Amino acid sequence: MDNLTIVRVLRILQAESKKWNVPIVTLVAQRSDDPYQILISTLISLRTKDAVTTEASHKLFAEARTPAAMLKLKATKIRALIYPAGFYKRKADTILEVSRILIEKHGGRVPDDLDRLLELPGVGRKTANLVLTLGFGKPGICVDTHVHRITNRFGYVQTRTPDETEMVLRDKLPKAWWIPINDILVAFGQGLCAPVSPHCSKCPVSAWCERKGVGKSR
């Protein structure tokens, strides 16, 4: 798949994505452009269903919306607020540690630099890029399992890990699509392009997809 084709495919999927659920962290960003809330919501969302993340984030931010306010809560309180998010005990500790570092090293503000974000506990490239793109509107490519899987399935990249996919996309993907590609392909991956037995018969871009690695489909 070349660049002309990937742009055509992404435009079609962007129009179709209105039929699918918007990723939870994007919804948080739509409600508030606060980088701190986006960061914390992303940390909660890891290995957690969107519906659980939505409820957990809502309850947590009702109690604390800033690093200073968060540090006034005990870990047990945060655990109760974000339960049943996956690894909620560990995440509560991480939220407190991140909040402490933001106060002590960054004046209570989330850094707008990829390298400094990656220094924060629990923050990987996916989370850092989400904060940069949604919280600060800076160029970045957030690559999660959906983006990694689907761009390989399309035949647009040939990579083994999400981090490797991000690097290839940074070199190859037209910059106008860096930020929207995550929302588009996450919605697409959750709605149609499943990891196993994707709905190829209903796919609006099946004509351009190379179906790399696809065995059975519906």
N, C-alpha and C. Protein backbone atom coordinates (compact mmCIF):
# COMPACT_ATOMS: atom_id res chain seq x y z
N MET A 1 0.85 -1.19 0.00
CA MET A 1 0.00 0.00 0.00
C MET A 1 0.89 1.25 0.00
N ASP A 2 0.64 2.15 -0.95
CA ASP A 2 1.44 3.37 -1.03
C ASP A 2 0.74 4.52 -0.31
N ASN A 3 1.37 5.70 -0.33
CA ASN A 3 0.83 6.84 0.41
C ASN A 3 -0.49 7.35 -0.17
N LEU A 4 -0.64 7.33 -1.47
CA LEU A 4 -1.90 7.76 -2.06
C LEU A 4 -3.05 6.87 -1.58
N THR A 5 -2.77 5.58 -1.50
CA THR A 5 -3.79 4.64 -1.08
C THR A 5 -4.11 4.78 0.41
N ILE A 6 -3.08 4.92 1.26
CA ILE A 6 -3.36 5.03 2.69
C ILE A 6 -4.17 6.28 2.99
N VAL A 7 -3.91 7.37 2.27
CA VAL A 7 -4.69 8.59 2.48
C VAL A 7 -6.14 8.37 2.06
N ARG A 8 -6.35 7.70 0.94
CA ARG A 8 -7.71 7.40 0.50
C ARG A 8 -8.42 6.54 1.53
N VAL A 9 -7.73 5.52 2.02
CA VAL A 9 -8.32 4.61 3.01
C VAL A 9 -8.65 5.35 4.30
N LEU A 10 -7.74 6.19 4.78
CA LEU A 10 -7.98 6.91 6.03
C LEU A 10 -9.13 7.91 5.89
N ARG A 11 -9.25 8.53 4.74
CA ARG A 11 -10.38 9.45 4.52
C ARG A 11 -11.71 8.70 4.58
N ILE A 12 -11.76 7.54 3.96
CA ILE A 12 -12.99 6.74 3.98
C ILE A 12 -13.31 6.31 5.41
N LEU A 13 -12.31 5.82 6.12
CA LEU A 13 -12.53 5.35 7.48
C LEU A 13 -12.88 6.49 8.42
N GLN A 14 -12.31 7.66 8.18
CA GLN A 14 -12.63 8.82 9.02
C GLN A 14 -14.11 9.17 8.89
N ALA A 15 -14.64 9.10 7.68
CA ALA A 15 -16.07 9.36 7.47
C ALA A 15 -16.92 8.26 8.10
N GLU A 16 -16.47 7.03 7.98
CA GLU A 16 -17.22 5.90 8.52
C GLU A 16 -17.14 5.82 10.04
N SER A 17 -16.10 6.39 10.62
CA SER A 17 -15.85 6.24 12.05
C SER A 17 -16.95 6.86 12.91
N LYS A 18 -17.78 7.71 12.32
CA LYS A 18 -18.90 8.30 13.07
C LYS A 18 -19.87 7.22 13.55
N LYS A 19 -19.83 6.06 12.89
CA LYS A 19 -20.72 4.96 13.26
C LYS A 19 -20.16 4.16 14.44
N TRP A 20 -18.89 4.36 14.75
CA TRP A 20 -18.23 3.55 15.77
C TRP A 20 -17.96 4.39 17.01
N ASN A 21 -17.61 3.73 18.08
CA ASN A 21 -17.34 4.43 19.34
C ASN A 21 -16.03 5.21 19.27
N VAL A 22 -16.05 6.42 19.82
CA VAL A 22 -14.84 7.23 19.90
C VAL A 22 -13.98 6.71 21.07
N PRO A 23 -12.66 6.55 20.88
CA PRO A 23 -11.81 6.10 21.99
C PRO A 23 -11.99 6.98 23.22
N ILE A 24 -11.95 6.38 24.40
CA ILE A 24 -12.27 7.07 25.64
C ILE A 24 -11.37 8.27 25.90
N VAL A 25 -10.07 8.13 25.65
CA VAL A 25 -9.17 9.25 25.94
C VAL A 25 -9.48 10.44 25.04
N THR A 26 -9.93 10.18 23.82
CA THR A 26 -10.35 11.26 22.94
C THR A 26 -11.59 11.95 23.50
N LEU A 27 -12.50 11.18 24.06
CA LEU A 27 -13.68 11.78 24.68
C LEU A 27 -13.28 12.68 25.85
N VAL A 28 -12.30 12.23 26.64
CA VAL A 28 -11.81 13.05 27.74
C VAL A 28 -11.24 14.36 27.21
N ALA A 29 -10.47 14.27 26.12
CA ALA A 29 -9.87 15.46 25.53
C ALA A 29 -10.93 16.40 24.97
N GLN A 30 -12.03 15.84 24.47
CA GLN A 30 -13.11 16.67 23.95
C GLN A 30 -13.82 17.42 25.07
N ARG A 31 -13.88 16.79 26.24
CA ARG A 31 -14.53 17.43 27.39
C ARG A 31 -13.61 18.42 28.09
N SER A 32 -12.33 18.14 28.07
CA SER A 32 -11.35 19.01 28.73
C SER A 32 -10.03 18.90 27.99
N ASP A 33 -9.42 20.04 27.68
CA ASP A 33 -8.12 20.01 27.00
C ASP A 33 -6.97 20.04 28.01
N ASP A 34 -7.26 19.69 29.26
CA ASP A 34 -6.25 19.68 30.31
C ASP A 34 -5.31 18.49 30.13
N PRO A 35 -4.03 18.73 29.87
CA PRO A 35 -3.08 17.62 29.67
C PRO A 35 -3.00 16.68 30.86
N TYR A 36 -3.20 17.19 32.07
CA TYR A 36 -3.12 16.33 33.26
C TYR A 36 -4.25 15.31 33.24
N GLN A 37 -5.46 15.74 32.95
CA GLN A 37 -6.58 14.81 32.91
C GLN A 37 -6.41 13.79 31.78
N ILE A 38 -5.87 14.25 30.66
CA ILE A 38 -5.62 13.32 29.56
C ILE A 38 -4.57 12.29 29.95
N LEU A 39 -3.51 12.75 30.63
CA LEU A 39 -2.45 11.84 31.08
C LEU A 39 -3.00 10.80 32.06
N ILE A 40 -3.73 11.25 33.06
CA ILE A 40 -4.24 10.32 34.07
C ILE A 40 -5.27 9.36 33.46
N SER A 41 -6.13 9.86 32.59
CA SER A 41 -7.12 8.99 31.94
C SER A 41 -6.44 7.92 31.10
N THR A 42 -5.36 8.31 30.44
CA THR A 42 -4.62 7.34 29.62
C THR A 42 -3.99 6.27 30.50
N LEU A 43 -3.43 6.67 31.63
CA LEU A 43 -2.85 5.69 32.55
C LEU A 43 -3.92 4.72 33.06
N ILE A 44 -5.11 5.23 33.36
CA ILE A 44 -6.20 4.37 33.81
C ILE A 44 -6.65 3.42 32.71
N SER A 45 -6.62 3.89 31.46
CA SER A 45 -7.18 3.13 30.34
C SER A 45 -6.37 1.92 29.94
N LEU A 46 -5.11 1.85 30.35
CA LEU A 46 -4.26 0.74 29.92
C LEU A 46 -4.83 -0.59 30.40
N ARG A 47 -5.07 -1.50 29.47
CA ARG A 47 -5.62 -2.83 29.73
C ARG A 47 -6.96 -2.74 30.46
N THR A 48 -7.74 -1.74 30.09
CA THR A 48 -9.05 -1.53 30.71
C THR A 48 -10.07 -1.17 29.64
N LYS A 49 -11.27 -1.70 29.76
CA LYS A 49 -12.33 -1.39 28.80
C LYS A 49 -12.72 0.08 28.88
N ASP A 50 -13.13 0.63 27.75
CA ASP A 50 -13.46 2.05 27.69
C ASP A 50 -14.56 2.45 28.67
N ALA A 51 -15.57 1.60 28.82
CA ALA A 51 -16.67 1.93 29.72
C ALA A 51 -16.19 2.05 31.16
N VAL A 52 -15.27 1.18 31.55
CA VAL A 52 -14.71 1.23 32.90
C VAL A 52 -13.84 2.47 33.07
N THR A 53 -13.03 2.78 32.05
CA THR A 53 -12.18 3.96 32.10
C THR A 53 -13.01 5.23 32.22
N THR A 54 -14.11 5.28 31.48
CA THR A 54 -15.00 6.45 31.53
C THR A 54 -15.49 6.70 32.94
N GLU A 55 -16.02 5.66 33.56
CA GLU A 55 -16.58 5.79 34.91
C GLU A 55 -15.49 6.10 35.93
N ALA A 56 -14.34 5.41 35.80
CA ALA A 56 -13.25 5.62 36.75
C ALA A 56 -12.70 7.04 36.66
N SER A 57 -12.51 7.53 35.45
CA SER A 57 -12.00 8.89 35.26
C SER A 57 -12.98 9.92 35.81
N HIS A 58 -14.26 9.70 35.54
CA HIS A 58 -15.29 10.64 36.02
C HIS A 58 -15.28 10.72 37.55
N LYS A 59 -15.22 9.57 38.21
CA LYS A 59 -15.23 9.57 39.67
C LYS A 59 -13.95 10.18 40.24
N LEU A 60 -12.82 9.88 39.63
CA LEU A 60 -11.55 10.40 40.13
C LEU A 60 -11.47 11.92 39.97
N PHE A 61 -11.84 12.43 38.80
CA PHE A 61 -11.73 13.87 38.57
C PHE A 61 -12.79 14.67 39.33
N ALA A 62 -13.82 14.00 39.79
CA ALA A 62 -14.78 14.68 40.66
C ALA A 62 -14.15 14.99 42.01
N GLU A 63 -13.12 14.21 42.36
CA GLU A 63 -12.41 14.42 43.63
C GLU A 63 -11.15 15.25 43.46
N ALA A 64 -10.47 15.10 42.34
CA ALA A 64 -9.18 15.79 42.15
C ALA A 64 -8.89 15.98 40.67
N ARG A 65 -8.65 17.22 40.26
CA ARG A 65 -8.39 17.53 38.85
C ARG A 65 -6.98 18.06 38.60
N THR A 66 -6.19 18.21 39.65
CA THR A 66 -4.83 18.74 39.53
C THR A 66 -3.87 17.85 40.31
N PRO A 67 -2.57 17.93 40.00
CA PRO A 67 -1.60 17.14 40.78
C PRO A 67 -1.66 17.45 42.27
N ALA A 68 -1.79 18.73 42.62
CA ALA A 68 -1.83 19.11 44.03
C ALA A 68 -3.04 18.51 44.73
N ALA A 69 -4.19 18.56 44.09
CA ALA A 69 -5.40 17.98 44.68
C ALA A 69 -5.30 16.47 44.78
N MET A 70 -4.67 15.85 43.77
CA MET A 70 -4.52 14.40 43.78
C MET A 70 -3.67 13.93 44.95
N LEU A 71 -2.63 14.69 45.28
CA LEU A 71 -1.73 14.30 46.37
C LEU A 71 -2.39 14.40 47.73
N LYS A 72 -3.55 15.03 47.80
CA LYS A 72 -4.28 15.10 49.06
C LYS A 72 -5.09 13.83 49.30
N LEU A 73 -5.21 12.99 48.27
CA LEU A 73 -5.94 11.73 48.39
C LEU A 73 -4.99 10.60 48.79
N LYS A 74 -5.47 9.68 49.57
CA LYS A 74 -4.69 8.50 49.90
C LYS A 74 -4.81 7.47 48.78
N ALA A 75 -3.81 6.61 48.72
CA ALA A 75 -3.81 5.57 47.68
C ALA A 75 -5.07 4.71 47.77
N THR A 76 -5.51 4.42 48.99
CA THR A 76 -6.71 3.60 49.15
C THR A 76 -7.94 4.28 48.57
N LYS A 77 -8.00 5.60 48.67
CA LYS A 77 -9.12 6.36 48.12
C LYS A 77 -9.10 6.30 46.59
N ILE A 78 -7.92 6.49 46.01
CA ILE A 78 -7.79 6.46 44.55
C ILE A 78 -8.13 5.06 44.03
N ARG A 79 -7.69 4.05 44.75
CA ARG A 79 -8.00 2.68 44.35
C ARG A 79 -9.51 2.46 44.29
N ALA A 80 -10.21 2.95 45.31
CA ALA A 80 -11.66 2.79 45.36
C ALA A 80 -12.34 3.54 44.23
N LEU A 81 -11.80 4.71 43.88
CA LEU A 81 -12.42 5.54 42.83
C LEU A 81 -12.24 4.94 41.44
N ILE A 82 -11.09 4.31 41.18
CA ILE A 82 -10.82 3.82 39.83
C ILE A 82 -11.15 2.33 39.66
N TYR A 83 -11.48 1.65 40.74
CA TYR A 83 -11.89 0.25 40.65
C TYR A 83 -13.15 0.13 39.78
N PRO A 84 -13.26 -0.87 38.86
CA PRO A 84 -12.43 -2.06 38.67
C PRO A 84 -11.46 -1.96 37.50
N ALA A 85 -10.86 -0.82 37.27
CA ALA A 85 -9.85 -0.71 36.21
C ALA A 85 -8.76 -1.76 36.42
N GLY A 86 -8.24 -2.29 35.34
CA GLY A 86 -7.19 -3.29 35.44
C GLY A 86 -6.00 -2.77 36.21
N PHE A 87 -5.45 -3.60 37.11
CA PHE A 87 -4.28 -3.24 37.91
C PHE A 87 -4.51 -1.93 38.68
N TYR A 88 -5.72 -1.79 39.23
CA TYR A 88 -6.11 -0.52 39.85
C TYR A 88 -5.22 -0.14 41.04
N LYS A 89 -4.72 -1.12 41.77
CA LYS A 89 -3.86 -0.81 42.91
C LYS A 89 -2.54 -0.19 42.45
N ARG A 90 -1.95 -0.83 41.44
CA ARG A 90 -0.68 -0.31 40.90
C ARG A 90 -0.90 1.04 40.25
N LYS A 91 -2.02 1.19 39.55
CA LYS A 91 -2.30 2.47 38.88
C LYS A 91 -2.50 3.60 39.89
N ALA A 92 -3.12 3.31 41.02
CA ALA A 92 -3.30 4.33 42.05
C ALA A 92 -1.93 4.83 42.54
N ASP A 93 -1.02 3.90 42.77
CA ASP A 93 0.33 4.29 43.21
C ASP A 93 1.03 5.11 42.13
N THR A 94 0.85 4.70 40.87
CA THR A 94 1.48 5.42 39.76
C THR A 94 0.91 6.83 39.64
N ILE A 95 -0.40 6.98 39.79
CA ILE A 95 -1.03 8.30 39.71
C ILE A 95 -0.47 9.23 40.77
N LEU A 96 -0.28 8.72 41.97
CA LEU A 96 0.28 9.54 43.05
C LEU A 96 1.74 9.90 42.76
N GLU A 97 2.50 8.92 42.27
CA GLU A 97 3.92 9.18 41.98
C GLU A 97 4.07 10.18 40.84
N VAL A 98 3.28 10.04 39.80
CA VAL A 98 3.32 10.99 38.69
C VAL A 98 2.95 12.38 39.17
N SER A 99 1.94 12.48 39.98
CA SER A 99 1.49 13.77 40.50
C SER A 99 2.59 14.42 41.35
N ARG A 100 3.26 13.61 42.17
CA ARG A 100 4.35 14.13 43.00
C ARG A 100 5.49 14.67 42.14
N ILE A 101 5.86 13.92 41.11
CA ILE A 101 6.96 14.35 40.23
C ILE A 101 6.58 15.63 39.48
N LEU A 102 5.33 15.72 39.04
CA LEU A 102 4.90 16.92 38.34
C LEU A 102 5.02 18.15 39.24
N ILE A 103 4.69 17.99 40.51
CA ILE A 103 4.80 19.09 41.47
C ILE A 103 6.27 19.43 41.73
N GLU A 104 7.08 18.42 41.97
CA GLU A 104 8.46 18.64 42.40
C GLU A 104 9.39 19.05 41.26
N LYS A 105 9.15 18.54 40.06
CA LYS A 105 10.10 18.77 38.97
C LYS A 105 9.57 19.64 37.83
N HIS A 106 8.25 19.80 37.75
CA HIS A 106 7.68 20.49 36.59
C HIS A 106 6.70 21.60 36.97
N GLY A 107 6.79 22.06 38.19
CA GLY A 107 5.93 23.16 38.61
C GLY A 107 4.45 22.85 38.59
N GLY A 108 4.13 21.56 38.72
CA GLY A 108 2.73 21.15 38.73
C GLY A 108 2.09 21.04 37.36
N ARG A 109 2.91 21.13 36.33
CA ARG A 109 2.37 21.08 34.96
C ARG A 109 2.92 19.87 34.23
N VAL A 110 2.12 19.35 33.33
CA VAL A 110 2.54 18.21 32.50
C VAL A 110 3.50 18.74 31.43
N PRO A 111 4.69 18.14 31.29
CA PRO A 111 5.62 18.60 30.26
C PRO A 111 5.09 18.35 28.85
N ASP A 112 5.44 19.24 27.93
CA ASP A 112 4.99 19.10 26.54
C ASP A 112 6.12 18.60 25.65
N ASP A 113 6.98 17.79 26.22
CA ASP A 113 8.14 17.25 25.52
C ASP A 113 8.14 15.73 25.65
N LEU A 114 8.32 15.04 24.54
CA LEU A 114 8.22 13.58 24.52
C LEU A 114 9.20 12.93 25.49
N ASP A 115 10.46 13.36 25.47
CA ASP A 115 11.47 12.73 26.32
C ASP A 115 11.16 12.93 27.80
N ARG A 116 10.69 14.11 28.18
CA ARG A 116 10.36 14.35 29.58
C ARG A 116 9.11 13.58 30.00
N LEU A 117 8.17 13.43 29.10
CA LEU A 117 6.99 12.61 29.40
C LEU A 117 7.39 11.16 29.63
N LEU A 118 8.32 10.66 28.84
CA LEU A 118 8.74 9.27 28.95
C LEU A 118 9.49 9.00 30.25
N GLU A 119 9.95 10.04 30.92
CA GLU A 119 10.63 9.88 32.21
C GLU A 119 9.63 9.63 33.35
N LEU A 120 8.35 9.91 33.12
CA LEU A 120 7.34 9.73 34.16
C LEU A 120 7.01 8.25 34.34
N PRO A 121 6.76 7.81 35.56
CA PRO A 121 6.44 6.39 35.80
C PRO A 121 5.19 5.97 35.05
N GLY A 122 5.25 4.79 34.44
CA GLY A 122 4.09 4.23 33.77
C GLY A 122 3.80 4.81 32.40
N VAL A 123 4.62 5.77 31.96
CA VAL A 123 4.37 6.44 30.68
C VAL A 123 5.26 5.84 29.59
N GLY A 124 4.62 5.18 28.63
CA GLY A 124 5.34 4.67 27.46
C GLY A 124 5.09 5.58 26.27
N ARG A 125 5.53 5.16 25.12
CA ARG A 125 5.42 6.02 23.93
C ARG A 125 3.97 6.26 23.53
N LYS A 126 3.11 5.25 23.69
CA LYS A 126 1.70 5.44 23.37
C LYS A 126 1.10 6.54 24.22
N THR A 127 1.28 6.46 25.52
CA THR A 127 0.72 7.46 26.43
C THR A 127 1.32 8.83 26.17
N ALA A 128 2.64 8.89 26.00
CA ALA A 128 3.31 10.17 25.77
C ALA A 128 2.80 10.85 24.50
N ASN A 129 2.64 10.07 23.45
CA ASN A 129 2.15 10.65 22.19
C ASN A 129 0.70 11.09 22.29
N LEU A 130 -0.12 10.36 23.05
CA LEU A 130 -1.50 10.79 23.25
C LEU A 130 -1.56 12.13 23.98
N VAL A 131 -0.73 12.29 25.01
CA VAL A 131 -0.72 13.55 25.75
C VAL A 131 -0.24 14.69 24.85
N LEU A 132 0.78 14.44 24.07
CA LEU A 132 1.29 15.48 23.17
C LEU A 132 0.26 15.90 22.14
N THR A 133 -0.40 14.91 21.53
CA THR A 133 -1.32 15.22 20.44
C THR A 133 -2.66 15.77 20.95
N LEU A 134 -3.22 15.13 21.96
CA LEU A 134 -4.54 15.55 22.46
C LEU A 134 -4.46 16.67 23.47
N GLY A 135 -3.38 16.69 24.26
CA GLY A 135 -3.27 17.70 25.30
C GLY A 135 -2.62 19.00 24.84
N PHE A 136 -1.72 18.89 23.86
CA PHE A 136 -0.97 20.07 23.43
C PHE A 136 -1.11 20.37 21.93
N GLY A 137 -1.75 19.45 21.18
CA GLY A 137 -1.91 19.66 19.75
C GLY A 137 -0.60 19.61 18.99
N LYS A 138 0.39 18.93 19.56
CA LYS A 138 1.70 18.82 18.90
C LYS A 138 1.75 17.58 18.01
N PRO A 139 2.59 17.61 16.99
CA PRO A 139 2.69 16.44 16.11
C PRO A 139 3.17 15.21 16.87
N GLY A 140 2.56 14.11 16.58
CA GLY A 140 2.94 12.85 17.20
C GLY A 140 2.08 11.75 16.62
N ILE A 141 2.54 10.52 16.74
CA ILE A 141 1.77 9.37 16.25
C ILE A 141 1.61 8.40 17.41
N CYS A 142 0.39 8.24 17.86
CA CYS A 142 0.11 7.29 18.93
C CYS A 142 -0.16 5.93 18.30
N VAL A 143 0.69 4.97 18.59
CA VAL A 143 0.54 3.63 18.03
C VAL A 143 0.20 2.65 19.14
N ASP A 144 -1.04 2.17 19.14
CA ASP A 144 -1.43 1.12 20.07
C ASP A 144 -1.54 -0.18 19.27
N THR A 145 -2.13 -1.21 19.89
CA THR A 145 -2.21 -2.50 19.20
C THR A 145 -3.05 -2.43 17.94
N HIS A 146 -4.09 -1.58 17.93
CA HIS A 146 -4.94 -1.46 16.75
C HIS A 146 -4.17 -0.86 15.58
N VAL A 147 -3.50 0.25 15.83
CA VAL A 147 -2.74 0.92 14.76
C VAL A 147 -1.64 0.00 14.24
N HIS A 148 -0.95 -0.65 15.16
CA HIS A 148 0.12 -1.57 14.78
C HIS A 148 -0.42 -2.72 13.93
N ARG A 149 -1.49 -3.35 14.41
CA ARG A 149 -2.04 -4.50 13.70
C ARG A 149 -2.60 -4.13 12.34
N ILE A 150 -3.37 -3.04 12.28
CA ILE A 150 -4.09 -2.72 11.05
C ILE A 150 -3.17 -2.18 9.97
N THR A 151 -2.20 -1.36 10.33
CA THR A 151 -1.28 -0.87 9.30
C THR A 151 -0.44 -2.01 8.72
N ASN A 152 -0.14 -3.01 9.54
CA ASN A 152 0.52 -4.21 9.02
C ASN A 152 -0.43 -5.03 8.18
N ARG A 153 -1.67 -5.14 8.60
CA ARG A 153 -2.68 -5.90 7.84
C ARG A 153 -2.92 -5.25 6.47
N PHE A 154 -2.93 -3.93 6.44
CA PHE A 154 -3.07 -3.21 5.17
C PHE A 154 -1.91 -3.51 4.23
N GLY A 155 -0.74 -3.81 4.81
CA GLY A 155 0.46 -3.92 4.00
C GLY A 155 1.20 -2.60 3.86
N TYR A 156 0.79 -1.62 4.68
CA TYR A 156 1.44 -0.30 4.62
C TYR A 156 2.78 -0.31 5.34
N VAL A 157 2.89 -1.10 6.42
CA VAL A 157 4.16 -1.27 7.12
C VAL A 157 4.41 -2.76 7.29
N GLN A 158 5.65 -3.09 7.58
CA GLN A 158 6.02 -4.46 7.90
C GLN A 158 6.89 -4.41 9.15
N THR A 159 6.24 -4.45 10.31
CA THR A 159 6.95 -4.25 11.57
C THR A 159 6.53 -5.30 12.58
N ARG A 160 7.32 -5.42 13.66
CA ARG A 160 7.06 -6.44 14.67
C ARG A 160 6.49 -5.89 15.97
N THR A 161 6.71 -4.61 16.24
CA THR A 161 6.26 -4.03 17.51
C THR A 161 5.61 -2.67 17.27
N PRO A 162 4.74 -2.22 18.20
CA PRO A 162 4.16 -0.87 18.07
C PRO A 162 5.20 0.23 18.00
N ASP A 163 6.27 0.12 18.79
CA ASP A 163 7.32 1.16 18.75
C ASP A 163 7.98 1.22 17.38
N GLU A 164 8.23 0.06 16.79
CA GLU A 164 8.82 0.01 15.45
C GLU A 164 7.85 0.60 14.43
N THR A 165 6.56 0.30 14.60
CA THR A 165 5.54 0.86 13.71
C THR A 165 5.53 2.38 13.78
N GLU A 166 5.63 2.92 14.99
CA GLU A 166 5.64 4.38 15.14
C GLU A 166 6.79 5.00 14.36
N MET A 167 7.98 4.41 14.48
CA MET A 167 9.14 4.96 13.79
C MET A 167 8.96 4.93 12.27
N VAL A 168 8.41 3.83 11.76
CA VAL A 168 8.19 3.72 10.31
C VAL A 168 7.14 4.73 9.85
N LEU A 169 6.06 4.86 10.62
CA LEU A 169 5.01 5.81 10.27
C LEU A 169 5.53 7.24 10.30
N ARG A 170 6.40 7.56 11.23
CA ARG A 170 6.98 8.91 11.28
C ARG A 170 7.75 9.23 9.99
N ASP A 171 8.37 8.22 9.42
CA ASP A 171 9.13 8.42 8.18
C ASP A 171 8.25 8.39 6.94
N LYS A 172 7.12 7.68 7.01
CA LYS A 172 6.36 7.36 5.81
C LYS A 172 5.01 8.06 5.70
N LEU A 173 4.29 8.13 6.81
CA LEU A 173 2.90 8.62 6.78
C LEU A 173 2.87 10.14 6.61
N PRO A 174 2.05 10.67 5.67
CA PRO A 174 1.90 12.13 5.54
C PRO A 174 1.53 12.76 6.88
N LYS A 175 2.18 13.86 7.21
CA LYS A 175 2.07 14.45 8.55
C LYS A 175 0.65 14.85 8.92
N ALA A 176 -0.15 15.18 7.94
CA ALA A 176 -1.53 15.58 8.23
C ALA A 176 -2.33 14.47 8.90
N TRP A 177 -1.85 13.23 8.78
CA TRP A 177 -2.58 12.08 9.34
C TRP A 177 -1.94 11.55 10.61
N TRP A 178 -0.89 12.18 11.10
CA TRP A 178 -0.22 11.70 12.31
C TRP A 178 -1.16 11.66 13.51
N ILE A 179 -1.86 12.74 13.77
CA ILE A 179 -2.74 12.81 14.94
C ILE A 179 -4.01 11.99 14.74
N PRO A 180 -4.73 12.14 13.62
CA PRO A 180 -6.02 11.42 13.51
C PRO A 180 -5.92 9.92 13.32
N ILE A 181 -4.76 9.38 12.91
CA ILE A 181 -4.71 7.96 12.59
C ILE A 181 -5.08 7.08 13.78
N ASN A 182 -4.73 7.50 14.99
CA ASN A 182 -5.05 6.66 16.15
C ASN A 182 -6.55 6.55 16.36
N ASP A 183 -7.24 7.69 16.40
CA ASP A 183 -8.69 7.66 16.58
C ASP A 183 -9.37 6.82 15.50
N ILE A 184 -8.93 7.02 14.25
CA ILE A 184 -9.55 6.33 13.12
C ILE A 184 -9.38 4.82 13.23
N LEU A 185 -8.14 4.37 13.46
CA LEU A 185 -7.88 2.94 13.45
C LEU A 185 -8.30 2.24 14.74
N VAL A 186 -8.32 2.96 15.86
CA VAL A 186 -8.85 2.35 17.08
C VAL A 186 -10.35 2.11 16.92
N ALA A 187 -11.07 3.10 16.43
CA ALA A 187 -12.51 2.93 16.20
C ALA A 187 -12.76 1.82 15.18
N PHE A 188 -11.98 1.80 14.11
CA PHE A 188 -12.09 0.79 13.07
C PHE A 188 -11.79 -0.60 13.63
N GLY A 189 -10.73 -0.69 14.44
CA GLY A 189 -10.33 -1.97 15.02
C GLY A 189 -11.35 -2.51 15.99
N GLN A 190 -11.99 -1.62 16.74
CA GLN A 190 -13.00 -2.06 17.69
C GLN A 190 -14.33 -2.36 16.99
N GLY A 191 -14.58 -1.64 15.89
CA GLY A 191 -15.86 -1.79 15.22
C GLY A 191 -15.92 -2.88 14.17
N LEU A 192 -14.85 -3.03 13.37
CA LEU A 192 -14.88 -3.99 12.26
C LEU A 192 -13.63 -4.87 12.15
N CYS A 193 -12.48 -4.22 12.24
CA CYS A 193 -11.22 -4.92 11.91
C CYS A 193 -10.64 -5.61 13.14
N ALA A 194 -11.34 -6.63 13.61
CA ALA A 194 -10.96 -7.34 14.83
C ALA A 194 -9.65 -8.11 14.63
N PRO A 195 -8.94 -8.40 15.73
CA PRO A 195 -7.69 -9.16 15.61
C PRO A 195 -7.89 -10.53 14.98
N VAL A 196 -8.99 -11.19 15.36
CA VAL A 196 -9.31 -12.52 14.83
C VAL A 196 -10.64 -12.46 14.09
N SER A 197 -10.69 -13.02 12.91
CA SER A 197 -11.90 -13.06 12.09
C SER A 197 -12.53 -11.68 11.91
N PRO A 198 -11.79 -10.78 11.25
CA PRO A 198 -12.34 -9.43 11.00
C PRO A 198 -13.52 -9.47 10.04
N HIS A 199 -14.34 -8.42 10.09
CA HIS A 199 -15.54 -8.35 9.25
C HIS A 199 -15.19 -7.80 7.86
N CYS A 200 -14.44 -8.56 7.10
CA CYS A 200 -13.98 -8.10 5.78
C CYS A 200 -15.14 -7.89 4.81
N SER A 201 -16.20 -8.67 4.96
CA SER A 201 -17.33 -8.54 4.04
C SER A 201 -18.07 -7.21 4.22
N LYS A 202 -17.92 -6.58 5.39
CA LYS A 202 -18.56 -5.30 5.66
C LYS A 202 -17.60 -4.12 5.58
N CYS A 203 -16.34 -4.40 5.32
CA CYS A 203 -15.30 -3.37 5.39
C CYS A 203 -15.36 -2.42 4.20
N PRO A 204 -15.40 -1.11 4.44
CA PRO A 204 -15.49 -0.15 3.35
C PRO A 204 -14.18 0.05 2.60
N VAL A 205 -13.09 -0.52 3.11
CA VAL A 205 -11.79 -0.35 2.44
C VAL A 205 -11.16 -1.69 2.07
N SER A 206 -11.97 -2.73 2.00
CA SER A 206 -11.44 -4.07 1.72
C SER A 206 -10.76 -4.15 0.36
N ALA A 207 -11.18 -3.32 -0.58
CA ALA A 207 -10.60 -3.35 -1.93
C ALA A 207 -9.12 -2.99 -1.93
N TRP A 208 -8.67 -2.24 -0.92
CA TRP A 208 -7.28 -1.78 -0.88
C TRP A 208 -6.45 -2.51 0.16
N CYS A 209 -7.09 -3.35 0.97
CA CYS A 209 -6.39 -4.03 2.05
C CYS A 209 -5.72 -5.30 1.55
N GLU A 210 -4.46 -5.51 1.91
CA GLU A 210 -3.74 -6.71 1.49
C GLU A 210 -4.01 -7.90 2.41
N ARG A 211 -4.71 -7.67 3.51
CA ARG A 211 -5.12 -8.72 4.45
C ARG A 211 -3.94 -9.56 4.93
N LYS A 212 -2.84 -8.90 5.21
CA LYS A 212 -1.66 -9.60 5.71
C LYS A 212 -1.99 -10.27 7.05
N GLY A 213 -1.69 -11.55 7.14
CA GLY A 213 -1.88 -12.28 8.38
C GLY A 213 -3.31 -12.68 8.68
N VAL A 214 -4.24 -12.38 7.78
CA VAL A 214 -5.64 -12.74 8.02
C VAL A 214 -5.89 -14.18 7.57
N GLY A 215 -6.39 -14.99 8.49
CA GLY A 215 -6.77 -16.35 8.15
C GLY A 215 -8.25 -16.36 7.82
N LYS A 216 -9.05 -16.53 8.86
CA LYS A 216 -10.50 -16.49 8.68
C LYS A 216 -11.01 -15.06 8.75
N SER A 217 -12.07 -14.79 8.01
CA SER A 217 -12.72 -13.50 8.08
C SER A 217 -14.22 -13.69 7.94
N ARG A 218 -14.96 -12.65 8.28
CA ARG A 218 -16.43 -12.73 8.18
C ARG A 218 -16.92 -11.78 7.11
